[in-house]
Amino acid sequence: MKKEIKLRFTAQIKTHTGVDVDTISIDDDEHVQVVLQKISKRYGPGITSTLFNADGSYRNFNLIAVNQIQVNYDDNTPLNQGDELMLMSPIAGG
């Protein structure tokens, strides 16, 4: 069965997706890692190089939140119908 997940993008990630909010349909057994791979395929090389290193490992300085609670990429966090997955890249300034 498919579930709809809300995607929210901020800062540099938003510049690569071209949108700040989107939705994605996922299978029941898919978790955060799978969704990030789907996002990478959907939005192309700019977002891929922002989220992942050349060896395919996740760039941990990007923050992931599910329903406004920070999660780690390696936690295999499950997602439920209507959840919001937010990706935040670091913001530098002075």
C-alpha atoms as a PDB file:
ATOM      1  CA  MET A   1       0.000   0.000   0.000  1.00  0.00           C
ATOM      2  CA  LYS A   2       1.244   3.508  -0.825  1.00  0.00           C
ATOM      3  CA  LYS A   3       1.651   6.384   1.629  1.00  0.00           C
ATOM      4  CA  GLU A   4       1.938  10.100   0.870  1.00  0.00           C
ATOM      5  CA  ILE A   5       4.761  11.932   2.630  1.00  0.00           C
ATOM      6  CA  LYS A   6       5.163  15.716   2.661  1.00  0.00           C
ATOM      7  CA  LEU A   7       8.638  16.950   1.754  1.00  0.00           C
ATOM      8  CA  ARG A   8       9.985  20.309   2.938  1.00  0.00           C
ATOM      9  CA  PHE A   9      13.287  21.752   1.718  1.00  0.00           C
ATOM     10  CA  THR A  10      15.260  24.695   3.104  1.00  0.00           C
ATOM     11  CA  ALA A  11      18.339  26.755   2.223  1.00  0.00           C
ATOM     12  CA  GLN A  12      20.758  25.226  -0.316  1.00  0.00           C
ATOM     13  CA  ILE A  13      18.626  22.104  -0.708  1.00  0.00           C
ATOM     14  CA  LYS A  14      15.689  24.246  -1.805  1.00  0.00           C
ATOM     15  CA  THR A  15      17.814  25.840  -4.539  1.00  0.00           C
ATOM     16  CA  HIS A  16      18.496  22.380  -5.988  1.00  0.00           C
ATOM     17  CA  THR A  17      14.894  21.160  -5.857  1.00  0.00           C
ATOM     18  CA  GLY A  18      13.366  24.410  -7.088  1.00  0.00           C
ATOM     19  CA  VAL A  19      10.523  24.025  -4.572  1.00  0.00           C
ATOM     20  CA  ASP A  20      10.204  24.370  -0.830  1.00  0.00           C
ATOM     21  CA  VAL A  21       7.354  21.855  -0.445  1.00  0.00           C
ATOM     22  CA  ASP A  22       6.463  18.704  -2.372  1.00  0.00           C
ATOM     23  CA  THR A  23       4.946  15.273  -1.779  1.00  0.00           C
ATOM     24  CA  ILE A  24       6.198  11.805  -2.534  1.00  0.00           C
ATOM     25  CA  SER A  25       4.428   8.472  -2.619  1.00  0.00           C
ATOM     26  CA  ILE A  26       6.222   5.627  -0.829  1.00  0.00           C
ATOM     27  CA  ASP A  27       5.606   1.966  -0.072  1.00  0.00           C
ATOM     28  CA  ASP A  28       4.671   0.867   3.462  1.00  0.00           C
ATOM     29  CA  ASP A  29       8.121  -0.575   4.211  1.00  0.00           C
ATOM     30  CA  GLU A  30      10.152   2.403   2.984  1.00  0.00           C
ATOM     31  CA  HIS A  31      12.045   4.536   5.492  1.00  0.00           C
ATOM     32  CA  VAL A  32      14.026   7.788   5.501  1.00  0.00           C
ATOM     33  CA  GLN A  33      17.069   6.332   3.696  1.00  0.00           C
ATOM     34  CA  VAL A  34      14.937   5.100   0.792  1.00  0.00           C
ATOM     35  CA  VAL A  35      13.070   8.406   0.535  1.00  0.00           C
ATOM     36  CA  LEU A  36      16.340  10.345   0.365  1.00  0.00           C
ATOM     37  CA  GLN A  37      17.488   8.103  -2.494  1.00  0.00           C
ATOM     38  CA  LYS A  38      14.181   8.790  -4.274  1.00  0.00           C
ATOM     39  CA  ILE A  39      14.605  12.527  -3.726  1.00  0.00           C
ATOM     40  CA  SER A  40      18.080  12.280  -5.214  1.00  0.00           C
ATOM     41  CA  LYS A  41      16.731  10.563  -8.328  1.00  0.00           C
ATOM     42  CA  ARG A  42      13.776  12.941  -8.659  1.00  0.00           C
ATOM     43  CA  TYR A  43      15.726  16.196  -8.419  1.00  0.00           C
ATOM     44  CA  GLY A  44      19.026  15.231 -10.039  1.00  0.00           C
ATOM     45  CA  PRO A  45      22.760  15.698  -9.560  1.00  0.00           C
ATOM     46  CA  GLY A  46      22.644  19.018  -7.687  1.00  0.00           C
ATOM     47  CA  ILE A  47      20.654  17.577  -4.813  1.00  0.00           C
ATOM     48  CA  THR A  48      22.559  14.294  -4.985  1.00  0.00           C
ATOM     49  CA  SER A  49      25.926  16.002  -4.446  1.00  0.00           C
ATOM     50  CA  THR A  50      24.420  18.073  -1.621  1.00  0.00           C
ATOM     51  CA  LEU A  51      23.034  15.028   0.207  1.00  0.00           C
ATOM     52  CA  PHE A  52      25.615  12.351  -0.610  1.00  0.00           C
ATOM     53  CA  ASN A  53      29.399  12.007  -0.883  1.00  0.00           C
ATOM     54  CA  ALA A  54      30.947  10.548  -4.036  1.00  0.00           C
ATOM     55  CA  ASP A  55      31.067   7.118  -2.352  1.00  0.00           C
ATOM     56  CA  GLY A  56      27.288   7.236  -1.723  1.00  0.00           C
ATOM     57  CA  SER A  57      27.496   7.899   2.017  1.00  0.00           C
ATOM     58  CA  TYR A  58      25.179  10.517   3.481  1.00  0.00           C
ATOM     59  CA  ARG A  59      26.648  13.959   4.183  1.00  0.00           C
ATOM     60  CA  ASN A  60      25.751  14.189   7.872  1.00  0.00           C
ATOM     61  CA  PHE A  61      25.998  17.970   8.093  1.00  0.00           C
ATOM     62  CA  ASN A  62      22.593  18.072   6.376  1.00  0.00           C
ATOM     63  CA  LEU A  63      19.866  17.751   8.975  1.00  0.00           C
ATOM     64  CA  ILE A  64      16.840  15.490   8.620  1.00  0.00           C
ATOM     65  CA  ALA A  65      13.640  16.011  10.592  1.00  0.00           C
ATOM     66  CA  VAL A  66      10.508  13.881  10.629  1.00  0.00           C
ATOM     67  CA  ASN A  67       7.525  15.783  11.997  1.00  0.00           C
ATOM     68  CA  GLN A  68       9.936  18.416  13.367  1.00  0.00           C
ATOM     69  CA  ILE A  69      12.026  15.864  15.279  1.00  0.00           C
ATOM     70  CA  GLN A  70      15.629  15.478  14.154  1.00  0.00           C
ATOM     71  CA  VAL A  71      16.578  11.958  13.051  1.00  0.00           C
ATOM     72  CA  ASN A  72      19.799  10.384  11.841  1.00  0.00           C
ATOM     73  CA  TYR A  73      20.194   8.979   8.357  1.00  0.00           C
ATOM     74  CA  ASP A  74      21.461   5.651   9.702  1.00  0.00           C
ATOM     75  CA  ASP A  75      18.497   5.106  12.048  1.00  0.00           C
ATOM     76  CA  ASN A  76      16.200   3.651   9.331  1.00  0.00           C
ATOM     77  CA  THR A  77      13.416   5.866  10.663  1.00  0.00           C
ATOM     78  CA  PRO A  78      10.022   4.602   9.460  1.00  0.00           C
ATOM     79  CA  LEU A  79       7.552   6.994   7.865  1.00  0.00           C
ATOM     80  CA  ASN A  80       3.783   7.030   8.165  1.00  0.00           C
ATOM     81  CA  GLN A  81       0.980   8.420   6.025  1.00  0.00           C
ATOM     82  CA  GLY A  82       1.004  12.220   6.241  1.00  0.00           C
ATOM     83  CA  ASP A  83       4.432  12.553   7.868  1.00  0.00           C
ATOM     84  CA  GLU A  84       6.594  15.537   6.987  1.00  0.00           C
ATOM     85  CA  LEU A  85      10.229  14.950   6.053  1.00  0.00           C
ATOM     86  CA  MET A  86      12.316  18.130   6.181  1.00  0.00           C
ATOM     87  CA  LEU A  87      15.847  18.470   4.821  1.00  0.00           C
ATOM     88  CA  MET A  88      17.961  21.349   6.073  1.00  0.00           C
ATOM     89  CA  SER A  89      21.439  22.236   4.891  1.00  0.00           C
ATOM     90  CA  PRO A  90      23.751  24.280   7.091  1.00  0.00           C
ATOM     91  CA  ILE A  91      23.579  28.040   6.781  1.00  0.00           C
ATOM     92  CA  ALA A  92      26.825  30.000   7.000  1.00  0.00           C
ATOM     93  CA  GLY A  93      27.146  33.647   7.585  1.00  0.00           C
ATOM     94  CA  GLY A  94      28.710  36.245   9.730  1.00  0.00           C
END
